[in-house]
């Protein structure tokens, strides 16, 4: 991403009562336009079509630069959680949200940076191809995932999502590339149907991690509810991590999901799950002897 040179502030005039489709609030849409033209970009307030200036106060240069990578948009105001599709198909530049966001933030984005100082709804970074998303609180379900009914591999295919809080269920579902880091805990079905990419959950997660995965890497740094019987134990390692984030504790490594001839890698913290994993310890030791 090029150095940001132009900043726009987009502020909600009042607290919304219905979701607002905000996909046109994006460096790509602002690039090369006059401020008066930006104010006339369309938004949907519920099912009603309107323009930005009706719902938002906008401040910034009279004309935006032509390169999206040089544009930063700061979004603020009451109840920003009603804003959906922020950063839709974004290719460059930066979005900063001074609060929460709604569903589908960063949907299909291919580059640039989104910083959310609050939390995010479901489908954060769904089907994203590149760029970075950083969220300072919790996120909903399907972060970095595919849409319901789509085939494995149709989720996130590049880029990085970092969540400083907790995540909902099915994060990384169907992802093929890219990285998801959750510094808190996650719910069920982490990395289900993934074909590639990496997921790190630093704390606990729900059951069925890696269900139907065929490739990729999942690291769980805390307690897990269960390990699917369709994963077989492979080894023990002294640490594990993704993309420079390393957890320095012993992990048991599983491979699966064998029900779909999967070769995915599931790393589970040993001491945090000793009662659950002790049954596999002897298998690892026998393999080492052989």
Protein backbone atom coordinates (compact mmCIF):
# COMPACT_ATOMS: atom_id res chain seq x y z
CA UNK A 1 0.00 0.00 0.00
CA UNK A 2 1.34 3.40 -0.95
CA UNK A 3 1.79 6.10 1.70
CA UNK A 4 -1.48 7.72 2.71
CA UNK A 5 -1.61 11.37 1.59
CA UNK A 6 -5.33 12.23 1.66
CA UNK A 7 -7.68 11.77 4.63
CA UNK A 8 -11.46 11.98 4.62
CA UNK A 9 -13.62 11.91 7.74
CA UNK A 10 -17.06 10.36 7.30
CA UNK A 11 -19.33 10.89 10.32
CA UNK A 12 -22.84 9.58 10.86
CA UNK A 13 -25.22 12.47 11.49
CA UNK A 14 -27.50 10.46 13.77
CA UNK A 15 -27.94 6.98 15.18
CA UNK A 16 -29.25 4.64 12.44
CA UNK A 17 -32.29 2.50 13.13
CA UNK A 18 -31.76 0.09 10.19
CA UNK A 19 -28.66 -1.39 8.52
CA UNK A 20 -26.88 0.82 5.99
CA UNK A 21 -25.26 -0.70 2.89
CA UNK A 22 -22.00 1.30 2.90
CA UNK A 23 -20.04 -0.42 0.13
CA UNK A 24 -19.36 2.91 -1.60
CA UNK A 25 -17.42 4.19 1.41
CA UNK A 26 -14.10 3.00 0.05
CA UNK A 27 -10.82 4.50 -1.20
CA UNK A 28 -11.57 2.96 -4.61
CA UNK A 29 -14.88 4.82 -4.83
CA UNK A 30 -13.46 8.12 -3.54
CA UNK A 31 -10.35 8.11 -5.77
CA UNK A 32 -10.30 10.91 -8.37
CA UNK A 33 -13.67 12.33 -7.36
CA UNK A 34 -14.49 15.83 -6.13
CA UNK A 35 -15.87 16.14 -2.61
CA UNK A 36 -19.23 17.20 -4.04
CA UNK A 37 -19.35 14.02 -6.15
CA UNK A 38 -18.33 11.86 -3.18
CA UNK A 39 -21.25 13.28 -1.20
CA UNK A 40 -23.60 12.02 -3.92
CA UNK A 41 -22.39 8.42 -3.85
CA UNK A 42 -25.31 6.06 -3.28
CA UNK A 43 -26.03 4.16 -0.08
CA UNK A 44 -28.96 1.98 0.96
CA UNK A 45 -30.64 2.81 4.25
CA UNK A 46 -32.56 -0.38 4.82
CA UNK A 47 -34.32 -0.74 1.46
CA UNK A 48 -34.29 2.97 0.68
CA UNK A 49 -31.74 4.39 -1.77
CA UNK A 50 -30.17 7.67 -0.73
CA UNK A 51 -26.80 9.46 -0.93
CA UNK A 52 -23.89 9.83 1.49
CA UNK A 53 -24.49 13.46 2.37
CA UNK A 54 -27.98 12.70 3.66
CA UNK A 55 -26.70 10.33 6.32
CA UNK A 56 -23.10 11.49 6.83
CA UNK A 57 -21.07 14.64 7.31
CA UNK A 58 -17.97 14.50 5.11
CA UNK A 59 -14.74 16.42 5.55
CA UNK A 60 -11.67 16.29 3.33
CA UNK A 61 -9.91 17.78 0.31
CA UNK A 62 -12.04 19.25 -2.47
CA UNK A 63 -10.65 16.64 -4.86
CA UNK A 64 -9.37 13.17 -4.01
CA UNK A 65 -6.12 11.87 -5.47
CA UNK A 66 -6.49 9.29 -8.22
CA UNK A 67 -4.52 6.57 -6.44
CA UNK A 68 -6.67 4.68 -3.88
CA UNK A 69 -3.53 3.68 -2.00
CA UNK A 70 -3.00 7.31 -1.00
CA UNK A 71 -6.47 7.69 0.53
CA UNK A 72 -7.46 7.12 4.16
CA UNK A 73 -11.10 7.21 5.25
CA UNK A 74 -11.92 7.62 8.95
CA UNK A 75 -15.47 6.57 9.86
CA UNK A 76 -17.06 7.73 13.08
CA UNK A 77 -20.36 8.63 14.67
CA UNK A 78 -23.11 6.94 16.72
CA UNK A 79 -23.82 3.22 16.16
CA UNK A 80 -21.35 2.50 13.36
CA UNK A 81 -22.32 -1.16 13.91
CA UNK A 82 -25.21 -0.55 11.50
CA UNK A 83 -22.74 -0.05 8.61
CA UNK A 84 -22.47 -3.14 6.38
CA UNK A 85 -20.20 -3.96 3.44
CA UNK A 86 -17.53 -1.42 4.45
CA UNK A 87 -14.47 -1.98 2.25
CA UNK A 88 -16.38 -4.09 -0.29
CA UNK A 89 -13.97 -5.16 -3.06
CA UNK A 90 -11.42 -2.66 -1.73
CA UNK A 91 -8.10 -2.83 -3.61
CA UNK A 92 -5.91 -0.34 -1.74
CA UNK A 93 -5.88 2.52 0.74
CA UNK A 94 -7.00 2.50 4.36
CA UNK A 95 -10.28 2.46 6.26
CA UNK A 96 -10.33 3.28 9.98
CA UNK A 97 -13.55 2.74 11.94
CA UNK A 98 -13.82 4.48 15.31
CA UNK A 99 -16.25 1.93 16.69
CA UNK A 100 -17.98 -1.31 15.69
CA UNK A 101 -18.97 -2.40 12.18
CA UNK A 102 -21.76 -4.59 10.86
CA UNK A 103 -21.66 -7.71 8.71
CA UNK A 104 -19.50 -8.30 5.62
CA UNK A 105 -16.78 -5.73 6.30
CA UNK A 106 -13.91 -6.32 3.87
CA UNK A 107 -16.02 -8.68 1.76
CA UNK A 108 -14.07 -9.66 -1.37
CA UNK A 109 -11.32 -7.09 -0.64
CA UNK A 110 -8.08 -7.61 -2.57
CA UNK A 111 -5.74 -5.10 -0.91
CA UNK A 112 -5.35 -2.19 1.44
CA UNK A 113 -5.98 -2.04 5.17
CA UNK A 114 -9.08 -1.95 7.38
CA UNK A 115 -8.66 -1.07 11.06
CA UNK A 116 -11.73 -1.53 13.28
CA UNK A 117 -11.27 -0.06 16.74
CA UNK A 118 -14.35 -1.87 18.05
CA UNK A 119 -15.85 -5.21 17.07
CA UNK A 120 -17.27 -6.62 13.84
CA UNK A 121 -20.29 -8.62 12.76
CA UNK A 122 -20.32 -11.86 10.82
CA UNK A 123 -18.53 -12.60 7.52
CA UNK A 124 -15.63 -10.27 8.29
CA UNK A 125 -13.20 -10.57 5.36
CA UNK A 126 -15.31 -13.28 3.75
CA UNK A 127 -13.91 -14.29 0.36
CA UNK A 128 -11.08 -11.73 0.71
CA UNK A 129 -8.12 -12.09 -1.66
CA UNK A 130 -5.55 -9.79 -0.08
CA UNK A 131 -4.91 -6.89 2.25
CA UNK A 132 -5.15 -6.75 6.05
CA UNK A 133 -8.00 -6.43 8.54
CA UNK A 134 -7.36 -5.68 12.20
CA UNK A 135 -10.16 -5.77 14.78
CA UNK A 136 -9.59 -4.70 18.38
CA UNK A 137 -12.60 -6.39 19.95
CA UNK A 138 -14.76 -9.44 19.14
CA UNK A 139 -16.00 -10.62 15.74
CA UNK A 140 -18.98 -12.72 14.71
CA UNK A 141 -19.24 -15.96 12.75
CA UNK A 142 -17.64 -16.95 9.42
CA UNK A 143 -14.65 -14.54 9.56
CA UNK A 144 -12.51 -15.20 6.49
CA UNK A 145 -15.01 -17.75 5.30
CA UNK A 146 -17.17 -18.66 2.34
CA UNK A 147 -20.88 -18.12 1.96
CA UNK A 148 -23.35 -20.82 2.94
CA UNK A 149 -23.72 -23.47 0.24
CA UNK A 150 -20.45 -22.68 -1.54
CA UNK A 151 -17.85 -25.39 -2.07
CA UNK A 152 -14.68 -25.80 0.03
CA UNK A 153 -11.91 -23.43 -1.07
CA UNK A 154 -14.34 -20.62 -1.91
CA UNK A 155 -13.59 -18.67 1.28
CA UNK A 156 -10.65 -16.40 2.01
CA UNK A 157 -7.87 -16.84 -0.59
CA UNK A 158 -5.27 -14.35 0.63
CA UNK A 159 -4.50 -11.57 3.06
CA UNK A 160 -4.44 -11.42 6.86
CA UNK A 161 -7.12 -11.01 9.53
CA UNK A 162 -6.04 -10.20 13.10
CA UNK A 163 -8.64 -10.25 15.89
CA UNK A 164 -7.50 -8.99 19.28
CA UNK A 165 -10.67 -10.27 20.96
CA UNK A 166 -12.75 -13.42 20.52
CA UNK A 167 -14.32 -14.92 17.39
CA UNK A 168 -17.57 -16.70 16.66
CA UNK A 169 -18.08 -20.04 14.93
CA UNK A 170 -16.74 -21.33 11.61
CA UNK A 171 -13.87 -18.88 11.26
CA UNK A 172 -11.93 -19.64 8.09
CA UNK A 173 -14.63 -21.99 6.81
CA UNK A 174 -13.69 -23.01 3.27
CA UNK A 175 -10.57 -20.83 3.14
CA UNK A 176 -7.82 -21.73 0.65
CA UNK A 177 -5.01 -19.28 1.49
CA UNK A 178 -4.26 -16.41 3.84
CA UNK A 179 -3.89 -16.08 7.60
CA UNK A 180 -6.35 -15.63 10.48
CA UNK A 181 -5.05 -14.83 13.97
CA UNK A 182 -7.42 -14.73 16.95
CA UNK A 183 -5.79 -13.60 20.17
CA UNK A 184 -8.79 -14.70 22.24
CA UNK A 185 -11.03 -17.74 21.90
CA UNK A 186 -13.22 -19.06 19.08
CA UNK A 187 -16.38 -21.14 18.92
CA UNK A 188 -17.09 -24.36 17.03
CA UNK A 189 -15.88 -25.53 13.61
CA UNK A 190 -12.66 -23.53 13.33
CA UNK A 191 -11.29 -24.09 9.83
CA UNK A 192 -14.07 -26.40 8.69
CA UNK A 193 -13.85 -27.29 4.97
CA UNK A 194 -10.57 -25.36 4.59
CA UNK A 195 -8.27 -26.40 1.77
CA UNK A 196 -5.26 -24.22 2.68
CA UNK A 197 -4.10 -21.22 4.64
CA UNK A 198 -3.38 -20.85 8.36
CA UNK A 199 -5.47 -20.18 11.47
CA UNK A 200 -4.11 -19.44 14.94
CA UNK A 201 -6.42 -19.32 17.97
CA UNK A 202 -4.31 -18.35 20.97
CA UNK A 203 -6.83 -19.45 23.60
CA UNK A 204 -9.65 -22.01 23.61
CA UNK A 205 -12.04 -23.15 20.89
CA UNK A 206 -15.20 -25.19 20.53
CA UNK A 207 -15.46 -28.65 19.05
CA UNK A 208 -15.03 -30.01 15.51
CA UNK A 209 -11.96 -27.93 14.60
CA UNK A 210 -10.85 -28.76 11.05
CA UNK A 211 -13.95 -30.77 10.17
CA UNK A 212 -13.71 -31.85 6.51
CA UNK A 213 -10.49 -29.91 5.99
CA UNK A 214 -8.25 -31.19 3.19
CA UNK A 215 -5.27 -28.87 3.68
CA UNK A 216 -3.98 -25.94 5.65
CA UNK A 217 -2.90 -25.45 9.26
CA UNK A 218 -4.83 -24.82 12.47
CA UNK A 219 -3.12 -24.00 15.77
CA UNK A 220 -5.13 -24.03 19.01
CA UNK A 221 -3.17 -22.61 21.94
CA UNK A 222 -5.70 -23.40 24.69
CA UNK A 223 -8.38 -25.91 25.59
CA UNK A 224 -10.46 -27.65 22.93
CA UNK A 225 -13.81 -29.35 23.47
CA UNK A 226 -12.84 -32.36 21.38
CA UNK A 227 -10.65 -33.71 18.60
CA UNK A 228 -12.54 -35.40 15.79
CA UNK A 229 -11.92 -39.17 15.57
CA UNK A 230 -11.26 -38.71 11.84
CA UNK A 231 -7.92 -37.05 12.69
CA UNK A 232 -4.91 -39.24 13.45
CA UNK A 233 -2.07 -38.26 15.73
CA UNK A 234 1.25 -37.63 14.02
CA UNK A 235 3.79 -36.16 16.44
CA UNK A 236 4.63 -33.83 19.32
CA UNK A 237 6.39 -30.50 18.80
CA UNK A 238 7.82 -27.99 21.33
CA UNK A 239 6.06 -24.94 19.84
CA UNK A 240 3.74 -23.88 17.04
CA UNK A 241 2.59 -20.75 15.30
CA UNK A 242 1.75 -18.97 12.06
CA UNK A 243 3.19 -15.93 10.31
CA UNK A 244 5.70 -14.99 13.00
CA UNK A 245 3.29 -15.64 15.90
CA UNK A 246 4.72 -18.48 17.96
CA UNK A 247 3.26 -20.12 21.05
CA UNK A 248 6.06 -21.65 23.08
CA UNK A 249 4.40 -24.67 24.59
CA UNK A 250 4.16 -28.33 23.63
CA UNK A 251 1.66 -29.26 20.94
CA UNK A 252 0.27 -32.55 19.71
CA UNK A 253 -0.05 -32.62 15.92
CA UNK A 254 -2.93 -34.32 14.14
CA UNK A 255 -3.55 -34.89 10.41
CA UNK A 256 -6.98 -35.00 8.78
CA UNK A 257 -9.79 -34.95 8.01
CA UNK A 258 -9.36 -38.54 6.75
CA UNK A 259 -13.06 -38.72 5.86
CA UNK A 260 -12.22 -36.51 2.88
CA UNK A 261 -8.64 -37.81 2.43
CA UNK A 262 -7.46 -34.60 4.10
CA UNK A 263 -3.82 -33.71 4.80
CA UNK A 264 -4.53 -30.70 6.99
CA UNK A 265 -2.47 -30.09 10.13
CA UNK A 266 -4.17 -29.53 13.49
CA UNK A 267 -1.94 -28.42 16.38
CA UNK A 268 -3.47 -28.77 19.86
CA UNK A 269 -1.80 -27.47 23.05
CA UNK A 270 -0.89 -30.56 25.08
CA UNK A 271 -0.88 -29.37 28.70
CA UNK A 272 -4.16 -27.48 28.27
CA UNK A 273 -5.81 -30.68 27.01
CA UNK A 274 -3.85 -33.35 28.84
CA UNK A 275 -6.82 -35.47 29.88
CA UNK A 276 -8.18 -35.43 26.34
CA UNK A 277 -4.85 -36.06 24.61
CA UNK A 278 -3.25 -38.54 26.99
CA UNK A 279 -4.87 -41.43 25.08
CA UNK A 280 -2.84 -40.42 22.00
CA UNK A 281 0.48 -40.06 23.84
CA UNK A 282 1.32 -43.75 23.70
CA UNK A 283 0.71 -43.82 19.93
CA UNK A 284 3.19 -40.99 19.45
CA UNK A 285 5.79 -42.69 21.62
CA UNK A 286 5.40 -45.99 19.73
CA UNK A 287 5.85 -44.16 16.43
CA UNK A 288 9.02 -42.51 17.74
CA UNK A 289 10.43 -45.88 18.82
CA UNK A 290 9.67 -47.46 15.47
